[in-house]
Amino acid sequence: MDPVHAIQDARPTPFWLDDPDRPPTASALVADTRCDLLVVGGGYSGLWTALIAKDRDPSLDVLLIEGEEVGWAASGRNGGFCEASLTHGLSNGVERWPGEIAELEKLGARNLQAIEDTIERHGIDCDWERTGSLSVATEQFQLDDLRELADLAARYGPAPTVLDADQIRAEIDSPTFLGGVWDKDSTALVNPARLVWGLKQACLSLGVRIHEHTRATAITEDGSGIMARTPYGRVLAGRVALATNVFPSLVKRHRPYTIPVYDYALMTEPLTDEQLASVGWHNRQGFSDSANQFHYVRLSADNRILWGGYDAVYHYRGRVRAEHDQRPETFATLARHFFRTFPQLEGLRFTHAWGGAIDTCSRFCAFFDTSHRGRVAYVAGFTGLGVGASRFAAEVMLDLLADERTERTSLEMVRRKPLPFPPEPIRWAGVQATRWSLARADENEGRRNLWLKTLDRLGLGFDS
């Protein structure tokens, strides 16, 4: 059977958001109001900011506004990998901040544990599983890279487990797997939509005011505060945290630092006991392969397989539009790759197919800034690893708004921004050249061409 037939009945909506227990939305803001802290954006970054602000000071009047529904964008449609890394992986962190990577790794581990503690404290039902993750080699040349990664990781934390071909296939049985590395503690799997809905409820329980379908259109200084305009009312806030991520920042000078790159995923129907036994997967780790155009893969709580990644699509001028959420050619590619990896699952069907925009920056992890004389703080640029790092980012924004020098705000990672992207059409041409070069490297035993080597020398090297 042509693998593409497996997606013919897939629903064009994110699996996680297609949930009968989805909570009702909050009403829109329809009058002028005031608050101590205004949070713009109802994804992970915004919700963590509101929640931590109330934890720090229960008397603070915190208002969160969201242009659509809480969690409807990246926070509700990602793969559900909650990682300790704050730097888009250890290798990227070592390359960019060698002098503080040990501290960043410690802060990341502490941040992941704080997420787990918050989930337990607030009773958030989000299928949290501290499984760790596997990095797998599907080509011989990738094995040396994985061993080097394991050696590097052992310098900054517990040594991951290196697996040969038989050992990796004992964990997850695929004829394409040649070896792997198992990091047993730095990743948890989570139902991303249920996490965001749980954070919303936790915020409400602490007195955060939330208005959905309320888009902030502009912010300006107004005396000793910041005035935010929305379609039906204005908000006068003492401080503002901008957590709009992939969407154009209300501070225009921030816009050149991010571009929206579209990522896609499929979700299968639940596996039968026999199908699951044919794959193994007794320890339920999420995994990714080691190609530049990589896949990320995991089990859901009801034993579906999420299969995502590979294509990363940038549209000219960086437009974020709903019609980009569906890309049949990518879904067809993903389906073919799925059955090449798991031929024993032939006949399995996909129930959901979706995509969404990722806020990508040139250093591949979050960056920070303030504006309006320190009354507005901003974070963006997670590049696909924001499920865990968004909580750390929330703490950074609150530190910046409080004008406090902390272990977080002292970091070079926090104090410096990445290089901005060039204007169009240079931006589009550069992204396409990079995508083409990464694909060629995958086909050429990882060897990087002149374009990629030039990006490496400029500190823009991209390898995932």
Protein backbone atom coordinates (compact mmCIF):
# COMPACT_ATOMS: atom_id res chain seq x y z
CA MET A 1 0.00 0.00 0.00
CA ASP A 2 1.24 3.49 -0.82
CA PRO A 3 2.00 5.10 2.56
CA VAL A 4 0.20 8.25 1.46
CA HIS A 5 -3.13 6.39 1.68
CA ALA A 6 -2.58 6.26 5.45
CA ILE A 7 -3.25 10.01 5.71
CA GLN A 8 -6.38 10.17 3.56
CA ASP A 9 -8.75 10.46 6.53
CA ALA A 10 -6.46 12.51 8.80
CA ARG A 11 -8.14 15.50 10.41
CA PRO A 12 -6.47 18.82 9.54
CA THR A 13 -6.16 19.92 13.15
CA PRO A 14 -3.59 19.50 15.94
CA PHE A 15 -4.23 16.26 17.80
CA TRP A 16 -3.67 17.82 21.22
CA LEU A 17 -6.23 20.57 20.69
CA ASP A 18 -8.83 18.09 19.39
CA ASP A 19 -9.84 17.21 22.94
CA PRO A 20 -13.40 16.91 24.30
CA ASP A 21 -12.13 18.22 27.64
CA ARG A 22 -10.92 21.46 26.09
CA PRO A 23 -11.87 24.20 28.56
CA PRO A 24 -14.19 27.07 27.65
CA THR A 25 -12.57 30.29 26.53
CA ALA A 26 -12.50 33.41 28.65
CA SER A 27 -14.44 36.48 27.56
CA ALA A 28 -12.84 39.28 25.57
CA LEU A 29 -11.81 42.52 27.22
CA VAL A 30 -14.52 45.08 26.38
CA ALA A 31 -13.67 48.02 28.64
CA ASP A 32 -10.73 50.12 29.75
CA THR A 33 -8.85 48.72 32.74
CA ARG A 34 -5.68 49.02 34.80
CA CYS A 35 -3.22 46.49 36.17
CA ASP A 36 0.22 46.23 37.71
CA LEU A 37 1.49 43.74 35.13
CA LEU A 38 0.08 43.13 31.68
CA VAL A 39 1.11 39.91 29.94
CA VAL A 40 0.54 39.88 26.17
CA GLY A 41 0.28 36.34 24.82
CA GLY A 42 -1.42 33.23 26.17
CA GLY A 43 1.11 30.52 25.35
CA TYR A 44 3.65 28.97 27.70
CA SER A 45 5.79 32.12 27.99
CA GLY A 46 2.86 34.32 28.92
CA LEU A 47 1.21 31.86 31.30
CA TRP A 48 4.45 31.10 33.12
CA THR A 49 5.10 34.83 33.45
CA ALA A 50 1.68 35.46 34.97
CA LEU A 51 1.88 32.45 37.28
CA ILE A 52 5.38 33.18 38.57
CA ALA A 53 4.55 36.86 39.04
CA LYS A 54 1.68 35.91 41.35
CA ASP A 55 3.88 33.40 43.17
CA ARG A 56 6.44 36.12 43.79
CA ASP A 57 3.89 38.72 44.87
CA PRO A 58 0.30 37.51 45.48
CA SER A 59 -0.89 41.13 45.83
CA LEU A 60 0.15 41.98 42.27
CA ASP A 61 -2.73 42.68 39.88
CA VAL A 62 -1.85 40.61 36.80
CA LEU A 63 -3.82 40.71 33.54
CA LEU A 64 -3.14 38.35 30.62
CA ILE A 65 -4.61 38.96 27.17
CA GLU A 66 -4.52 36.54 24.23
CA GLY A 67 -5.48 37.36 20.64
CA GLU A 68 -7.06 33.95 19.96
CA GLU A 69 -7.40 31.21 22.60
CA VAL A 70 -4.88 30.23 25.23
CA GLY A 71 -2.51 27.64 23.76
CA TRP A 72 -3.93 27.68 20.23
CA ALA A 73 -0.57 28.40 18.56
CA ALA A 74 2.81 26.74 19.18
CA SER A 75 2.06 25.89 22.79
CA GLY A 76 -0.85 23.65 21.84
CA ARG A 77 0.50 22.01 18.71
CA ASN A 78 4.14 21.06 19.43
CA GLY A 79 5.49 17.56 19.99
CA GLY A 80 5.37 17.74 23.78
CA PHE A 81 9.13 17.37 24.40
CA CYS A 82 9.92 19.33 27.57
CA GLU A 83 13.70 19.58 27.69
CA ALA A 84 16.09 20.88 30.30
CA SER A 85 18.29 22.61 27.73
CA LEU A 86 17.98 26.38 27.60
CA THR A 87 20.34 26.66 24.62
CA HIS A 88 18.76 24.41 21.96
CA GLY A 89 21.03 21.56 22.93
CA LEU A 90 24.39 21.31 24.61
CA SER A 91 26.46 21.63 21.44
CA ASN A 92 24.85 24.94 20.51
CA GLY A 93 25.33 26.22 24.05
CA VAL A 94 29.00 25.23 24.22
CA GLU A 95 29.69 26.88 20.87
CA ARG A 96 28.06 30.17 21.83
CA TRP A 97 28.66 30.51 25.59
CA PRO A 98 31.56 28.22 26.55
CA GLY A 99 32.31 30.23 29.67
CA GLU A 100 28.83 29.91 31.16
CA ILE A 101 27.52 26.64 29.73
CA ALA A 102 28.02 24.82 33.03
CA GLU A 103 25.82 27.40 34.75
CA LEU A 104 23.26 27.26 31.94
CA GLU A 105 23.05 23.48 32.24
CA LYS A 106 22.49 23.73 36.01
CA LEU A 107 19.82 26.39 35.54
CA GLY A 108 18.15 24.25 32.87
CA ALA A 109 18.02 21.18 35.11
CA ARG A 110 16.61 23.28 37.94
CA ASN A 111 14.03 24.77 35.59
CA LEU A 112 12.83 21.34 34.40
CA GLN A 113 12.40 20.19 37.98
CA ALA A 114 10.48 23.38 38.80
CA ILE A 115 8.06 22.61 35.96
CA GLU A 116 7.49 19.13 37.35
CA ASP A 117 6.99 20.54 40.85
CA THR A 118 4.45 23.08 39.57
CA ILE A 119 2.50 20.38 37.76
CA GLU A 120 2.34 18.35 40.96
CA ARG A 121 1.50 21.33 43.18
CA HIS A 122 -1.38 22.49 41.02
CA GLY A 123 -2.61 19.01 40.12
CA ILE A 124 -2.22 19.58 36.37
CA ASP A 125 -3.35 16.50 34.43
CA CYS A 126 -1.04 16.61 31.39
CA ASP A 127 0.39 13.07 31.01
CA TRP A 128 3.81 14.12 32.33
CA GLU A 129 6.40 11.35 31.80
CA ARG A 130 10.07 11.82 32.77
CA THR A 131 11.28 9.32 30.17
CA GLY A 132 14.41 10.98 28.89
CA SER A 133 15.11 10.97 25.17
CA LEU A 134 17.02 8.99 22.56
CA SER A 135 19.17 10.41 19.79
CA VAL A 136 19.47 7.76 17.10
CA ALA A 137 21.84 7.26 14.18
CA THR A 138 20.39 6.13 10.88
CA GLU A 139 23.67 6.52 8.93
CA GLN A 140 27.10 5.16 9.86
CA PHE A 141 28.78 8.57 9.85
CA GLN A 142 26.38 9.79 12.56
CA LEU A 143 27.69 7.28 15.13
CA ASP A 144 30.90 9.19 15.79
CA ASP A 145 28.96 12.43 16.26
CA LEU A 146 26.70 10.78 18.83
CA ARG A 147 29.68 9.41 20.78
CA GLU A 148 31.24 12.89 20.81
CA LEU A 149 27.93 14.31 22.06
CA ALA A 150 27.83 11.71 24.85
CA ASP A 151 31.39 12.58 25.89
CA LEU A 152 30.53 16.29 25.90
CA ALA A 153 27.39 15.74 27.97
CA ALA A 154 29.36 13.75 30.56
CA ARG A 155 31.48 16.87 31.24
CA TYR A 156 28.46 18.85 32.42
CA GLY A 157 26.14 16.30 34.00
CA PRO A 158 25.28 12.61 34.25
CA ALA A 159 26.81 10.62 31.39
CA PRO A 160 24.19 9.46 28.89
CA THR A 161 24.05 5.82 27.86
CA VAL A 162 25.60 4.95 24.50
CA LEU A 163 23.74 2.16 22.68
CA ASP A 164 24.95 -0.02 19.83
CA ALA A 165 22.65 -1.29 17.07
CA ASP A 166 21.33 -4.25 19.06
CA GLN A 167 20.82 -2.14 22.18
CA ILE A 168 18.98 0.67 20.41
CA ARG A 169 16.72 -1.82 18.65
CA ALA A 170 16.00 -3.44 22.00
CA GLU A 171 14.61 -0.06 23.06
CA ILE A 172 12.76 0.80 19.82
CA ASP A 173 12.86 -1.71 16.99
CA SER A 174 13.51 -0.13 13.61
CA PRO A 175 15.67 -1.58 10.84
CA THR A 176 16.98 1.95 10.20
CA PHE A 177 18.54 2.36 13.68
CA LEU A 178 22.29 1.80 13.85
CA GLY A 179 23.03 3.15 17.33
CA GLY A 180 22.03 5.86 19.72
CA VAL A 181 22.47 7.83 22.92
CA TRP A 182 19.95 7.78 25.76
CA ASP A 183 19.82 10.85 27.98
CA LYS A 184 17.69 9.46 30.78
CA ASP A 185 16.85 12.55 32.83
CA SER A 186 16.90 15.76 30.76
CA THR A 187 13.60 15.37 28.90
CA ALA A 188 10.01 14.82 29.93
CA LEU A 189 7.11 14.10 27.62
CA VAL A 190 3.88 16.00 28.12
CA ASN A 191 0.51 16.58 26.51
CA PRO A 192 1.24 20.17 25.46
CA ALA A 193 -2.34 21.40 25.25
CA ARG A 194 -3.28 19.97 28.63
CA LEU A 195 -0.20 21.59 30.13
CA VAL A 196 -1.17 24.99 28.76
CA TRP A 197 -4.78 24.57 29.93
CA GLY A 198 -3.54 23.50 33.36
CA LEU A 199 -1.32 26.57 33.60
CA LYS A 200 -4.30 28.71 32.64
CA GLN A 201 -6.36 27.22 35.47
CA ALA A 202 -3.49 27.65 37.91
CA CYS A 203 -3.25 31.32 36.95
CA LEU A 204 -6.97 31.82 37.46
CA SER A 205 -6.82 30.11 40.84
CA LEU A 206 -4.21 32.66 41.97
CA GLY A 207 -6.26 35.61 40.79
CA VAL A 208 -4.77 36.34 37.37
CA ARG A 209 -7.33 38.01 35.10
CA ILE A 210 -7.42 36.41 31.64
CA HIS A 211 -9.15 37.71 28.53
CA GLU A 212 -9.03 35.70 25.31
CA HIS A 213 -9.91 36.93 21.80
CA THR A 214 -8.25 40.19 22.86
CA ARG A 215 -5.43 41.23 20.55
CA ALA A 216 -3.05 43.97 21.62
CA THR A 217 -2.57 46.31 18.67
CA ALA A 218 -0.11 48.86 20.07
CA ILE A 219 1.72 49.92 23.21
CA THR A 220 2.79 53.44 24.11
CA GLU A 221 4.13 55.23 27.17
CA ASP A 222 1.46 56.96 29.21
CA GLY A 223 2.80 58.90 32.15
CA SER A 224 4.35 56.44 34.58
CA GLY A 225 2.85 53.43 32.83
CA ILE A 226 2.33 51.71 29.50
CA MET A 227 -0.90 51.97 27.54
CA ALA A 228 -1.86 48.89 25.51
CA ARG A 229 -4.61 49.20 22.94
CA THR A 230 -7.01 46.38 22.07
CA PRO A 231 -10.03 46.37 19.73
CA TYR A 232 -12.54 47.06 22.53
CA GLY A 233 -10.60 48.68 25.32
CA ARG A 234 -7.32 50.03 26.64
CA VAL A 235 -5.11 48.71 29.41
CA LEU A 236 -2.94 51.00 31.52
CA ALA A 237 -0.21 48.84 33.04
CA GLY A 238 2.72 49.54 35.30
CA ARG A 239 4.80 46.92 33.48
CA VAL A 240 4.28 44.81 30.35
CA ALA A 241 5.68 41.39 29.41
CA LEU A 242 5.50 40.62 25.69
CA ALA A 243 5.17 36.89 25.01
CA THR A 244 3.99 36.94 21.40
CA ASN A 245 6.92 34.85 20.13
CA VAL A 246 6.36 34.03 16.42
CA PHE A 247 3.94 36.89 15.83
CA PRO A 248 5.21 40.40 14.99
CA SER A 249 6.39 42.17 18.11
CA LEU A 250 4.60 45.27 19.32
CA VAL A 251 8.12 46.74 19.59
CA LYS A 252 9.04 47.10 15.92
CA ARG A 253 12.81 47.08 16.43
CA HIS A 254 12.54 43.50 17.66
CA ARG A 255 10.96 42.18 14.46
CA PRO A 256 14.15 41.58 12.41
CA TYR A 257 15.42 39.12 15.01
CA THR A 258 12.92 36.33 14.32
CA ILE A 259 11.41 34.61 11.32
CA PRO A 260 8.49 32.12 11.28
CA VAL A 261 9.45 28.64 10.07
CA TYR A 262 6.68 26.08 9.62
CA ASP A 263 6.96 22.60 11.12
CA TYR A 264 4.59 19.67 10.51
CA ALA A 265 3.47 16.51 12.30
CA LEU A 266 1.29 13.42 11.94
CA MET A 267 -0.43 11.41 14.67
CA THR A 268 -1.39 7.76 14.23
CA GLU A 269 -4.39 5.94 15.52
CA PRO A 270 -3.72 4.07 18.81
CA LEU A 271 -1.49 1.03 18.37
CA THR A 272 -2.90 -2.35 19.31
CA ASP A 273 -1.00 -4.41 21.90
CA GLU A 274 0.41 -6.52 19.07
CA GLN A 275 1.55 -3.48 17.07
CA LEU A 276 3.20 -1.93 20.11
CA ALA A 277 4.93 -5.23 20.93
CA SER A 278 6.35 -5.33 17.41
CA VAL A 279 8.07 -2.00 18.05
CA GLY A 280 9.07 -2.61 21.67
CA TRP A 281 9.35 0.88 23.18
CA HIS A 282 8.93 -0.42 26.74
CA ASN A 283 10.57 2.68 28.24
CA ARG A 284 8.47 5.14 26.20
CA GLN A 285 11.30 7.57 25.42
CA GLY A 286 10.85 10.22 22.83
CA PHE A 287 13.47 10.10 20.12
CA SER A 288 14.91 12.09 17.25
CA ASP A 289 17.25 11.03 14.49
CA SER A 290 20.58 12.70 13.82
CA ALA A 291 20.08 14.17 10.37
CA ASN A 292 20.01 17.90 9.73
CA GLN A 293 16.46 17.38 8.48
CA PHE A 294 15.48 15.36 11.51
CA HIS A 295 12.31 13.71 12.77
CA TYR A 296 11.02 13.91 16.35
CA VAL A 297 8.91 10.99 17.52
CA ARG A 298 7.05 9.93 20.65
CA LEU A 299 4.20 7.91 22.10
CA SER A 300 1.06 9.55 23.45
CA ALA A 301 -0.66 8.40 26.62
CA ASP A 302 -3.00 6.18 24.56
CA ASN A 303 -0.12 4.71 22.53
CA ARG A 304 -0.39 6.72 19.35
CA ILE A 305 2.83 7.66 17.59
CA LEU A 306 3.50 11.31 16.86
CA TRP A 307 5.81 11.64 13.86
CA GLY A 308 6.99 15.16 13.11
CA GLY A 309 9.76 17.29 11.70
CA TYR A 310 11.95 16.95 8.60
CA ASP A 311 10.67 19.87 6.53
CA ALA A 312 11.16 23.41 7.87
CA VAL A 313 9.36 25.82 5.57
CA TYR A 314 9.84 29.58 5.38
CA HIS A 315 7.40 31.64 3.32
CA TYR A 316 8.50 34.80 1.57
CA ARG A 317 8.20 37.89 3.79
CA GLY A 318 7.60 35.67 6.81
CA ARG A 319 3.84 35.67 6.74
CA VAL A 320 2.06 33.72 9.50
CA ARG A 321 -1.18 32.48 7.98
CA ALA A 322 -3.64 29.72 8.77
CA GLU A 323 -3.39 28.28 5.25
CA HIS A 324 0.28 27.44 5.90
CA ASP A 325 -0.77 25.01 8.66
CA GLN A 326 -1.55 22.38 6.01
CA ARG A 327 1.08 21.18 3.51
CA PRO A 328 0.09 17.94 1.75
CA GLU A 329 3.49 17.38 0.17
CA THR A 330 5.15 17.42 3.58
CA PHE A 331 2.53 15.09 5.05
CA ALA A 332 3.16 12.65 2.18
CA THR A 333 6.91 12.77 2.83
CA LEU A 334 6.40 12.20 6.56
CA ALA A 335 4.12 9.21 5.91
CA ARG A 336 6.68 7.58 3.63
CA HIS A 337 9.45 8.13 6.16
CA PHE A 338 7.27 6.70 8.94
CA PHE A 339 6.71 3.36 7.22
CA ARG A 340 10.35 3.17 6.14
CA THR A 341 11.25 3.43 9.83
CA PHE A 342 8.49 1.09 11.07
CA PRO A 343 7.66 -1.33 8.23
CA GLN A 344 6.08 -3.67 10.77
CA LEU A 345 3.28 -1.11 11.22
CA GLU A 346 2.05 -1.26 7.63
CA GLY A 347 -1.69 -0.62 7.56
CA LEU A 348 -1.64 1.81 10.48
CA ARG A 349 -3.61 5.00 9.81
CA PHE A 350 -2.95 8.62 10.68
CA THR A 351 -5.83 10.43 12.39
CA HIS A 352 -4.42 13.97 12.51
CA ALA A 353 -2.11 16.07 10.32
CA TRP A 354 -1.14 19.62 11.22
CA GLY A 355 1.53 22.27 11.16
CA GLY A 356 2.42 25.51 12.86
CA ALA A 357 4.96 28.33 12.92
CA ILE A 358 8.11 28.30 15.04
CA ASP A 359 9.81 31.54 16.10
CA THR A 360 13.36 31.05 14.80
CA CYS A 361 16.29 33.31 15.55
CA SER A 362 19.89 33.18 14.34
CA ARG A 363 21.23 31.64 17.54
CA PHE A 364 18.38 29.08 17.82
CA CYS A 365 17.38 29.77 21.43
CA ALA A 366 15.51 32.48 23.29
CA PHE A 367 16.76 36.05 23.50
CA PHE A 368 15.58 38.94 25.65
CA ASP A 369 15.26 42.71 25.59
CA THR A 370 13.54 45.63 27.29
CA SER A 371 12.04 48.83 25.94
CA HIS A 372 10.09 51.88 27.07
CA ARG A 373 12.69 52.69 29.75
CA GLY A 374 12.61 49.22 31.23
CA ARG A 375 8.84 49.01 31.62
CA VAL A 376 8.41 46.49 28.79
CA ALA A 377 10.23 43.14 28.63
CA TYR A 378 10.34 40.81 25.66
CA VAL A 379 11.31 37.24 24.82
CA ALA A 380 11.27 35.32 21.53
CA GLY A 381 13.34 33.00 19.36
CA PHE A 382 12.89 29.61 21.06
CA THR A 383 13.31 27.82 17.69
CA GLY A 384 11.21 24.83 18.64
CA LEU A 385 12.52 24.18 22.16
CA GLY A 386 10.24 26.43 24.15
CA VAL A 387 8.16 23.95 26.13
CA GLY A 388 10.71 23.90 28.95
CA ALA A 389 12.75 27.04 28.27
CA SER A 390 9.64 29.26 28.34
CA ARG A 391 9.46 28.97 32.12
CA PHE A 392 13.05 30.15 32.48
CA ALA A 393 12.28 32.96 30.04
CA ALA A 394 9.37 34.06 32.20
CA GLU A 395 11.66 34.39 35.20
CA VAL A 396 14.13 36.41 33.13
CA MET A 397 11.43 38.82 31.97
CA LEU A 398 10.20 39.34 35.53
CA ASP A 399 13.76 39.94 36.74
CA LEU A 400 14.28 42.51 33.97
CA LEU A 401 11.02 44.28 34.76
CA ALA A 402 12.01 44.43 38.42
CA ASP A 403 15.41 45.83 37.36
CA GLU A 404 17.11 43.12 39.41
CA ARG A 405 20.57 41.71 38.77
CA THR A 406 20.14 37.98 39.30
CA GLU A 407 21.99 34.84 38.26
CA ARG A 408 19.75 34.88 35.19
CA THR A 409 20.11 38.50 34.13
CA SER A 410 23.88 38.33 34.65
CA LEU A 411 24.20 35.76 31.87
CA GLU A 412 25.75 36.79 28.57
CA MET A 413 22.98 34.75 26.95
CA VAL A 414 20.45 37.16 28.47
CA ARG A 415 22.41 40.37 28.02
CA ARG A 416 23.18 39.94 24.31
CA LYS A 417 20.86 39.49 21.36
CA PRO A 418 21.47 37.39 18.25
CA LEU A 419 22.26 38.81 14.84
CA PRO A 420 19.14 40.07 13.06
CA PHE A 421 18.00 38.55 9.78
CA PRO A 422 18.59 40.59 6.61
CA PRO A 423 15.66 42.17 4.75
CA GLU A 424 13.85 40.48 1.88
CA PRO A 425 14.63 39.17 -0.68
CA ILE A 426 18.05 38.39 0.83
CA ARG A 427 16.37 36.73 3.82
CA TRP A 428 14.32 34.34 1.70
CA ALA A 429 17.28 33.47 -0.53
CA GLY A 430 19.48 32.81 2.50
CA VAL A 431 16.95 30.51 4.14
CA GLN A 432 16.46 28.53 0.92
CA ALA A 433 20.21 28.21 0.39
CA THR A 434 20.60 26.94 3.94
CA ARG A 435 17.79 24.40 3.61
CA TRP A 436 19.25 23.10 0.34
CA SER A 437 22.75 22.88 1.81
CA LEU A 438 21.59 21.01 4.92
CA ALA A 439 19.75 18.48 2.77
CA ARG A 440 22.87 17.98 0.65
CA ALA A 441 24.97 17.49 3.80
CA ASP A 442 22.61 14.72 4.91
CA GLU A 443 23.22 13.01 1.58
CA ASN A 444 26.99 13.56 1.71
CA GLU A 445 27.94 11.96 5.04
CA GLY A 446 27.46 15.21 6.92
CA ARG A 447 30.03 17.20 4.95
CA ARG A 448 29.15 20.88 4.96
CA ASN A 449 29.49 22.96 1.81
CA LEU A 450 31.02 26.42 1.50
CA TRP A 451 27.74 28.14 2.35
CA LEU A 452 27.34 26.25 5.63
CA LYS A 453 31.02 26.72 6.51
CA THR A 454 30.60 30.46 5.97
CA LEU A 455 27.60 30.52 8.28
CA ASP A 456 29.65 28.58 10.85
CA ARG A 457 32.40 31.21 10.74
CA LEU A 458 29.81 33.96 11.24
CA GLY A 459 28.36 32.19 14.26
CA LEU A 460 25.22 31.26 12.37
CA GLY A 461 25.92 27.56 11.87
CA PHE A 462 22.75 25.52 11.91
CA ASP A 463 22.92 21.76 12.33
CA SER A 464 19.42 20.69 13.41
